[in-house]
Protein backbone atom coordinates (compact mmCIF):
# COMPACT_ATOMS: atom_id res chain seq x y z
CA UNK A 1 92.94 114.91 88.08
CA UNK A 2 95.48 113.37 86.22
CA UNK A 3 97.24 111.11 88.49
CA UNK A 4 95.70 107.33 87.69
CA UNK A 5 93.79 105.73 90.33
CA UNK A 6 95.81 102.20 90.49
CA UNK A 7 98.60 103.47 92.51
CA UNK A 8 96.62 104.87 95.19
CA UNK A 9 96.15 103.01 98.44
CA UNK A 10 92.28 102.36 98.62
CA UNK A 11 90.30 101.50 102.02
CA UNK A 12 86.80 100.26 102.25
CA UNK A 13 84.56 102.80 104.24
CA UNK A 14 83.79 101.48 107.56
CA UNK A 15 80.11 102.55 106.91
CA UNK A 16 80.07 99.89 103.74
CA UNK A 17 77.83 96.99 104.37
CA UNK A 18 79.23 93.57 105.66
CA UNK A 19 77.73 91.73 103.19
CA UNK A 20 79.70 93.25 100.34
CA UNK A 21 76.79 94.36 98.29
CA UNK A 22 77.39 98.44 99.22
CA UNK A 23 81.05 99.15 99.23
CA UNK A 24 82.57 102.84 98.69
CA UNK A 25 86.25 102.91 98.80
CA UNK A 26 88.32 106.04 99.27
CA UNK A 27 92.01 106.98 98.58
CA UNK A 28 93.87 109.95 99.56
CA UNK A 29 96.30 111.97 97.64
CA UNK A 30 98.02 115.03 97.90
CA UNK A 31 95.15 117.39 96.48
CA UNK A 32 92.08 115.21 96.57
CA UNK A 33 90.04 112.53 98.12
CA UNK A 34 89.39 109.53 95.03
CA UNK A 35 86.11 107.76 96.05
CA UNK A 36 84.92 104.83 93.98
CA UNK A 37 82.39 101.83 94.00
CA UNK A 38 84.57 98.82 94.83
CA UNK A 39 81.64 96.39 92.93
CA UNK A 40 82.18 98.25 89.65
CA UNK A 41 85.80 99.16 89.05
CA UNK A 42 85.24 99.45 85.57
CA UNK A 43 83.50 102.82 86.14
CA UNK A 44 85.79 105.73 86.90
CA UNK A 45 86.56 107.04 90.19
CA UNK A 46 85.83 110.40 91.17
CA UNK A 47 87.83 112.97 92.91
CA UNK A 48 86.90 115.94 95.34
CA UNK A 49 89.22 118.12 96.87
CA UNK A 50 90.33 117.85 100.39
CA UNK A 51 88.48 121.16 101.53
CA UNK A 52 85.26 119.50 99.98
CA UNK A 53 85.92 116.24 101.28
CA UNK A 54 86.08 117.71 104.90
CA UNK A 55 82.92 119.71 104.67
CA UNK A 56 81.28 116.43 103.21
CA UNK A 57 82.38 114.08 106.30
CA UNK A 58 81.50 116.94 109.10
CA UNK A 59 77.93 117.29 107.06
CA UNK A 60 77.18 113.49 107.33
CA UNK A 61 78.91 113.23 110.89
CA UNK A 62 75.93 115.19 112.10
CA UNK A 63 73.06 112.88 110.49
């Protein structure tokens, strides 16, 4: 994805730990969902297509 991740509206996953030690953040864009580790902002976020994200959420919801 060519768009930068700094202008995205990031939010913390409701499944992230409350101690702040395991936080996953996601941001929705028109073509993709971006995912990052909030503890390591130097590491690049990754992006997955919206269809792929939907499959991932449905798969994990059943667990």
